[in-house]
Amino acid sequence: MTLVLSVHNRDTMWVVVDRRLSYGRGRRPVDDAVKVMSLETTDGVGLLAYAGLGATSNGTQPSEWMSAVLRGHGGLGFEQALGVLATAATKELPRHLVRMPGGAHSIMVPAFVRGIGSRLYTIDNRVDSKAGIHSYRYTSYQRTAGPTSTSARLGLAGTGGLYLMQNRALWQGRLLGLVKAQDRAKISPYIVADELARLNYEAHERVRDGTVGPRCIVVWRRRRDASSPGSGGAHQFYSGPDREPDSGTIPMIDHGKNVSGIATLVMKCFQDQISDAAFSFDSGLHVDPDEMNRLLGELPSDPDERLR
């Protein structure tokens, strides 16, 4: 399994996910997974994290697949986009879950939606291979069914999530206090991120079956209509409780555009120039517009629901 922990405050939402991929007996786990992506739509912003299937037998991570499902869907509202993903998950996940111990996969989605406020959703799929039964649900966690009802502030999933739930009296008050202080600009967002990484590392040390890794990713996003100024958000990679110097990228879909794919391509072009033996900082970096447009044109832009 894994660890997913999400937390909302008035203006900011946070997610921490561990990075472990477990392969069962006879093969050592690796800790380089990216189990989270960012989604922005016409009316909302959210983070999609998951517990369950870490990668297919072909090595495809669900975060890559979710990004492929959602790209090209410009003009959708947030819940409409989740509906597209829920339909694809119900269709594509079962054949991969049937081979997996437990046979369950849960996508947790904290979000801010215009006109509604904070929301917490899950998209769940489970396969009972012995009984031949596939069950699924797409759920919004809120106090009542009304459109403006208050949503859950905390979300937990995975074996690490179960450990934290059982011990929430030891950490919940401190975490909520830090998130509240950060919303008021009294502390840096990295202090909250450090606390979430600490909780991940604690779960790694205390969950005895080895399903929670020591490395993690913390991501935070700010609601568009926040009451006080601030950046839209960021992410930070961790080794144990320590920040890593290079946080890499996470999949990001913004109004149907594959923002992370574009950013990765542009950065590679610049890195290729810098690594060239003839490069000089005096001459600076240069971009050939025609070549850049050609490369951008080769990036996939249409939805692809197939989980390979």
Protein backbone atom coordinates (compact mmCIF):
# COMPACT_ATOMS: atom_id res chain seq x y z
CA MET A 1 0.00 0.00 0.00
CA THR A 2 1.32 3.47 0.80
CA LEU A 3 0.64 6.70 2.67
CA VAL A 4 -1.64 9.51 1.54
CA LEU A 5 -2.50 12.37 3.89
CA SER A 6 -4.42 15.47 2.81
CA VAL A 7 -5.37 18.52 4.85
CA HIS A 8 -7.44 21.63 4.06
CA ASN A 9 -7.57 25.02 5.66
CA ARG A 10 -9.49 28.09 4.52
CA ASP A 11 -7.16 29.06 1.67
CA THR A 12 -4.66 26.21 1.23
CA MET A 13 -4.68 22.45 0.74
CA TRP A 14 -1.81 20.03 1.27
CA VAL A 15 -0.98 16.45 0.34
CA VAL A 16 1.89 14.17 1.32
CA VAL A 17 2.50 10.87 -0.45
CA ASP A 18 5.28 8.38 0.09
CA ARG A 19 7.32 7.18 -2.91
CA ARG A 20 7.57 3.42 -2.31
CA LEU A 21 6.87 0.85 -5.02
CA SER A 22 6.62 -2.63 -3.51
CA TYR A 23 7.02 -5.72 -5.67
CA GLY A 24 6.44 -8.50 -3.14
CA ARG A 25 8.83 -11.17 -1.99
CA GLY A 26 12.08 -11.66 -3.80
CA ARG A 27 12.42 -8.13 -5.12
CA ARG A 28 13.52 -5.07 -3.22
CA PRO A 29 11.18 -2.05 -3.17
CA VAL A 30 12.19 1.20 -4.84
CA ASP A 31 11.41 4.70 -3.62
CA ASP A 32 11.09 6.84 -6.74
CA ALA A 33 7.34 6.81 -7.45
CA VAL A 34 5.35 10.01 -8.06
CA LYS A 35 1.91 9.21 -6.61
CA VAL A 36 0.35 12.63 -7.04
CA MET A 37 -0.63 15.07 -9.79
CA SER A 38 -2.10 18.58 -9.97
CA LEU A 39 -5.31 19.51 -11.81
CA GLU A 40 -6.71 22.94 -12.65
CA THR A 41 -10.01 23.43 -14.46
CA THR A 42 -12.35 26.28 -15.33
CA ASP A 43 -13.71 26.42 -11.79
CA GLY A 44 -11.27 24.67 -9.51
CA VAL A 45 -7.87 23.42 -8.46
CA GLY A 46 -7.07 20.09 -6.85
CA LEU A 47 -4.48 17.42 -6.11
CA LEU A 48 -4.93 13.77 -7.10
CA ALA A 49 -3.05 11.29 -4.92
CA TYR A 50 -3.53 7.55 -4.58
CA ALA A 51 -2.96 4.36 -2.62
CA GLY A 52 -3.03 0.90 -4.14
CA LEU A 53 -1.57 0.18 -7.57
CA GLY A 54 1.91 1.75 -7.67
CA ALA A 55 2.72 0.79 -11.26
CA THR A 56 1.49 -1.62 -13.93
CA SER A 57 3.55 -4.62 -15.06
CA ASN A 58 4.78 -2.39 -17.91
CA GLY A 59 5.99 0.22 -15.43
CA THR A 60 3.26 2.84 -16.02
CA GLN A 61 2.52 4.83 -12.87
CA PRO A 62 -1.12 5.84 -12.30
CA SER A 63 -0.11 9.52 -12.02
CA GLU A 64 1.18 9.36 -15.63
CA TRP A 65 -2.01 7.61 -16.71
CA MET A 66 -4.33 10.08 -14.92
CA SER A 67 -2.50 12.94 -16.64
CA ALA A 68 -3.02 11.26 -20.02
CA VAL A 69 -6.73 10.71 -19.29
CA LEU A 70 -7.29 14.38 -18.37
CA ARG A 71 -5.17 16.12 -21.00
CA GLY A 72 -7.09 17.59 -23.91
CA HIS A 73 -10.21 18.10 -21.79
CA GLY A 74 -10.21 21.90 -21.74
CA GLY A 75 -13.39 23.70 -20.74
CA LEU A 76 -14.51 21.19 -18.11
CA GLY A 77 -15.48 22.02 -14.54
CA PHE A 78 -13.63 20.25 -11.75
CA GLU A 79 -16.30 17.70 -10.93
CA GLN A 80 -16.84 17.06 -14.65
CA ALA A 81 -13.12 16.28 -15.01
CA LEU A 82 -13.27 13.91 -12.06
CA GLY A 83 -16.24 12.22 -13.69
CA VAL A 84 -14.13 11.58 -16.80
CA LEU A 85 -11.39 10.09 -14.63
CA ALA A 86 -13.83 8.00 -12.58
CA THR A 87 -15.28 6.47 -15.76
CA ALA A 88 -11.80 5.66 -17.09
CA ALA A 89 -10.72 4.21 -13.73
CA THR A 90 -13.77 1.92 -13.58
CA LYS A 91 -12.94 0.65 -17.05
CA GLU A 92 -9.14 0.38 -16.90
CA LEU A 93 -8.14 -0.46 -13.32
CA PRO A 94 -9.81 -3.86 -12.75
CA ARG A 95 -7.54 -5.93 -14.98
CA HIS A 96 -4.50 -4.55 -13.13
CA LEU A 97 -6.02 -4.87 -9.65
CA VAL A 98 -6.95 -8.52 -10.13
CA ARG A 99 -3.23 -9.43 -9.91
CA MET A 100 -2.56 -7.24 -6.88
CA PRO A 101 -2.82 -8.35 -3.22
CA GLY A 102 -5.92 -6.70 -1.78
CA GLY A 103 -7.11 -5.67 -5.24
CA ALA A 104 -7.95 -2.09 -4.19
CA HIS A 105 -7.01 1.35 -5.50
CA SER A 106 -8.16 4.68 -4.05
CA ILE A 107 -7.62 8.11 -5.63
CA MET A 108 -7.94 10.90 -3.04
CA VAL A 109 -8.72 14.39 -4.33
CA PRO A 110 -8.66 17.48 -2.07
CA ALA A 111 -9.83 20.52 -4.04
CA PHE A 112 -11.13 24.07 -4.02
CA VAL A 113 -14.12 24.61 -6.32
CA ARG A 114 -15.46 28.06 -7.15
CA GLY A 115 -18.83 28.76 -5.58
CA ILE A 116 -18.51 25.71 -3.31
CA GLY A 117 -15.26 26.01 -1.38
CA SER A 118 -13.13 23.13 -0.14
CA ARG A 119 -13.97 19.58 -1.17
CA LEU A 120 -12.57 16.10 -0.58
CA TYR A 121 -13.38 13.37 -3.12
CA THR A 122 -12.30 9.78 -3.63
CA ILE A 123 -12.50 7.47 -6.64
CA ASP A 124 -12.35 3.88 -5.37
CA ASN A 125 -12.08 0.57 -7.19
CA ARG A 126 -11.81 -2.89 -5.69
CA VAL A 127 -11.64 -6.32 -7.32
CA ASP A 128 -12.41 -9.54 -5.42
CA SER A 129 -10.71 -12.03 -7.71
CA LYS A 130 -12.09 -15.08 -5.87
CA ALA A 131 -15.71 -13.92 -6.10
CA GLY A 132 -15.25 -12.26 -9.49
CA ILE A 133 -16.74 -9.01 -8.20
CA HIS A 134 -15.65 -5.47 -9.15
CA SER A 135 -16.98 -2.66 -6.93
CA TYR A 136 -16.42 1.05 -7.40
CA ARG A 137 -17.58 4.45 -6.17
CA TYR A 138 -16.99 8.17 -6.71
CA THR A 139 -17.63 10.02 -3.45
CA SER A 140 -17.69 13.57 -2.08
CA TYR A 141 -17.05 13.69 1.68
CA GLN A 142 -19.19 16.42 3.24
CA ARG A 143 -21.47 16.88 6.25
CA THR A 144 -24.72 16.96 4.25
CA ALA A 145 -25.69 16.46 0.60
CA GLY A 146 -26.14 20.21 0.03
CA PRO A 147 -23.91 21.92 -2.55
CA THR A 148 -22.41 24.33 0.02
CA SER A 149 -22.02 21.79 2.83
CA THR A 150 -18.73 21.73 4.74
CA SER A 151 -16.28 19.07 3.54
CA ALA A 152 -13.89 16.88 5.51
CA ARG A 153 -10.63 18.68 6.39
CA LEU A 154 -8.44 15.57 6.65
CA GLY A 155 -8.09 12.59 4.35
CA LEU A 156 -6.04 9.43 4.95
CA ALA A 157 -5.39 6.36 2.83
CA GLY A 158 -3.05 3.38 2.68
CA THR A 159 -1.30 1.44 5.41
CA GLY A 160 0.47 4.61 6.52
CA GLY A 161 -2.86 6.39 6.64
CA LEU A 162 -4.27 3.66 8.89
CA TYR A 163 -1.32 4.08 11.28
CA LEU A 164 -1.79 7.86 11.43
CA MET A 165 -5.55 7.53 11.94
CA GLN A 166 -4.98 5.25 14.92
CA ASN A 167 -2.55 7.78 16.41
CA ARG A 168 -4.17 11.03 15.30
CA ALA A 169 -4.35 12.46 18.82
CA LEU A 170 -0.54 12.74 18.72
CA TRP A 171 -0.27 14.86 15.56
CA GLN A 172 -3.63 16.22 14.34
CA GLY A 173 -3.78 19.32 16.56
CA ARG A 174 -0.24 20.39 15.76
CA LEU A 175 -0.73 19.94 12.00
CA LEU A 176 -4.00 21.88 11.90
CA GLY A 177 -2.38 24.64 13.95
CA LEU A 178 0.53 24.92 11.50
CA VAL A 179 -1.78 25.01 8.47
CA LYS A 180 -3.87 27.73 10.10
CA ALA A 181 -0.75 29.77 10.93
CA GLN A 182 0.50 29.43 7.36
CA ASP A 183 -2.83 30.64 5.95
CA ARG A 184 -2.34 33.77 8.06
CA ALA A 185 1.20 34.18 6.64
CA LYS A 186 2.73 33.73 10.10
CA ILE A 187 4.99 30.86 9.00
CA SER A 188 6.55 29.63 5.77
CA PRO A 189 4.70 26.92 3.81
CA TYR A 190 7.87 24.86 4.05
CA ILE A 191 7.35 24.51 7.81
CA VAL A 192 4.03 22.79 7.11
CA ALA A 193 5.70 20.68 4.40
CA ASP A 194 8.46 19.68 6.85
CA GLU A 195 5.83 18.51 9.36
CA LEU A 196 4.05 16.42 6.74
CA ALA A 197 7.36 14.85 5.71
CA ARG A 198 8.06 14.09 9.37
CA LEU A 199 4.72 12.29 9.64
CA ASN A 200 5.53 10.25 6.53
CA TYR A 201 8.88 9.24 8.00
CA GLU A 202 7.24 8.30 11.29
CA ALA A 203 4.79 6.07 9.41
CA HIS A 204 7.71 4.54 7.50
CA GLU A 205 9.41 3.61 10.77
CA ARG A 206 6.28 2.35 12.54
CA VAL A 207 4.44 0.41 9.79
CA ARG A 208 6.19 -2.94 10.09
CA ASP A 209 5.32 -4.48 6.72
CA GLY A 210 7.56 -2.07 4.82
CA THR A 211 4.81 -0.68 2.60
CA VAL A 212 5.53 2.99 3.46
CA GLY A 213 8.77 4.37 2.06
CA PRO A 214 11.12 6.90 3.71
CA ARG A 215 11.01 9.32 0.79
CA CYS A 216 7.95 11.45 0.09
CA ILE A 217 6.50 14.37 -1.89
CA VAL A 218 4.60 17.24 -0.30
CA VAL A 219 2.41 19.39 -2.58
CA TRP A 220 0.34 22.44 -1.71
CA ARG A 221 -2.07 24.59 -3.66
CA ARG A 222 -3.90 27.82 -2.85
CA ARG A 223 -7.49 28.63 -3.74
CA ARG A 224 -7.84 31.17 -6.54
CA ASP A 225 -10.08 33.48 -4.51
CA ALA A 226 -7.93 33.39 -1.37
CA SER A 227 -8.60 36.17 1.12
CA SER A 228 -4.93 37.11 1.40
CA PRO A 229 -2.20 37.33 -1.27
CA GLY A 230 0.21 34.46 -1.83
CA SER A 231 1.69 32.15 -4.42
CA GLY A 232 -0.44 29.50 -6.09
CA GLY A 233 1.54 26.69 -4.49
CA ALA A 234 4.59 24.49 -4.94
CA HIS A 235 5.92 21.03 -4.14
CA GLN A 236 8.93 19.63 -2.31
CA PHE A 237 10.61 16.22 -2.44
CA TYR A 238 11.99 14.74 0.81
CA SER A 239 14.40 12.01 1.88
CA GLY A 240 13.19 11.10 5.34
CA PRO A 241 12.45 14.39 7.10
CA ASP A 242 15.05 16.29 5.03
CA ARG A 243 14.35 18.40 1.94
CA GLU A 244 15.97 17.15 -1.25
CA PRO A 245 17.90 19.72 -3.30
CA ASP A 246 16.17 18.73 -6.55
CA SER A 247 12.39 18.33 -6.38
CA GLY A 248 11.89 17.33 -9.99
CA THR A 249 8.42 17.59 -11.52
CA ILE A 250 4.98 16.15 -10.89
CA PRO A 251 2.30 15.69 -13.57
CA MET A 252 0.20 18.86 -14.00
CA ILE A 253 -2.87 19.39 -16.17
CA ASP A 254 -4.09 22.99 -16.48
CA HIS A 255 -7.32 23.47 -18.46
CA GLY A 256 -6.50 20.36 -20.47
CA LYS A 257 -2.88 21.33 -21.18
CA ASN A 258 0.00 19.08 -20.16
CA VAL A 259 1.95 21.78 -18.33
CA SER A 260 4.53 19.44 -16.81
CA GLY A 261 5.28 17.87 -20.20
CA ILE A 262 5.84 21.30 -21.74
CA ALA A 263 8.05 22.40 -18.85
CA THR A 264 10.13 19.22 -19.02
CA LEU A 265 10.69 19.67 -22.76
CA VAL A 266 11.77 23.32 -22.39
CA MET A 267 14.13 22.52 -19.52
CA LYS A 268 15.71 19.69 -21.53
CA CYS A 269 16.42 22.10 -24.39
CA PHE A 270 18.20 24.47 -22.02
CA GLN A 271 20.10 21.65 -20.30
CA ASP A 272 21.29 20.31 -23.66
CA GLN A 273 22.72 23.74 -24.46
CA ILE A 274 24.48 24.05 -21.11
CA SER A 275 26.02 20.57 -21.42
CA ASP A 276 27.36 21.38 -24.89
CA ALA A 277 31.14 21.81 -24.75
CA ALA A 278 30.88 24.97 -26.87
CA PHE A 279 28.40 26.66 -24.49
CA SER A 280 29.36 29.97 -22.93
CA PHE A 281 27.33 31.84 -20.31
CA ASP A 282 28.50 35.05 -21.96
CA SER A 283 26.50 34.20 -25.08
CA GLY A 284 23.50 33.05 -23.03
CA LEU A 285 20.74 30.57 -23.84
CA HIS A 286 18.97 30.64 -27.20
CA VAL A 287 15.72 29.15 -28.41
CA ASP A 288 14.98 28.33 -32.04
CA PRO A 289 11.23 29.07 -32.27
CA ASP A 290 10.69 26.73 -35.22
CA GLU A 291 12.48 23.84 -33.53
CA MET A 292 10.69 24.47 -30.23
CA ASN A 293 7.30 24.52 -31.97
CA ARG A 294 8.19 21.27 -33.74
CA LEU A 295 9.07 19.59 -30.45
CA LEU A 296 5.96 20.93 -28.73
CA GLY A 297 3.88 19.67 -31.63
CA GLU A 298 5.18 16.15 -30.97
CA LEU A 299 3.89 16.13 -27.40
CA PRO A 300 0.66 14.10 -27.04
CA SER A 301 -2.28 16.46 -26.60
CA ASP A 302 -5.32 14.19 -26.96
CA PRO A 303 -6.79 12.14 -24.09
CA ASP A 304 -5.58 8.56 -23.74
CA GLU A 305 -7.58 6.42 -21.30
CA ARG A 306 -5.72 3.15 -21.87
CA LEU A 307 -3.76 2.02 -18.77
CA ARG A 308 -0.93 -0.06 -20.16
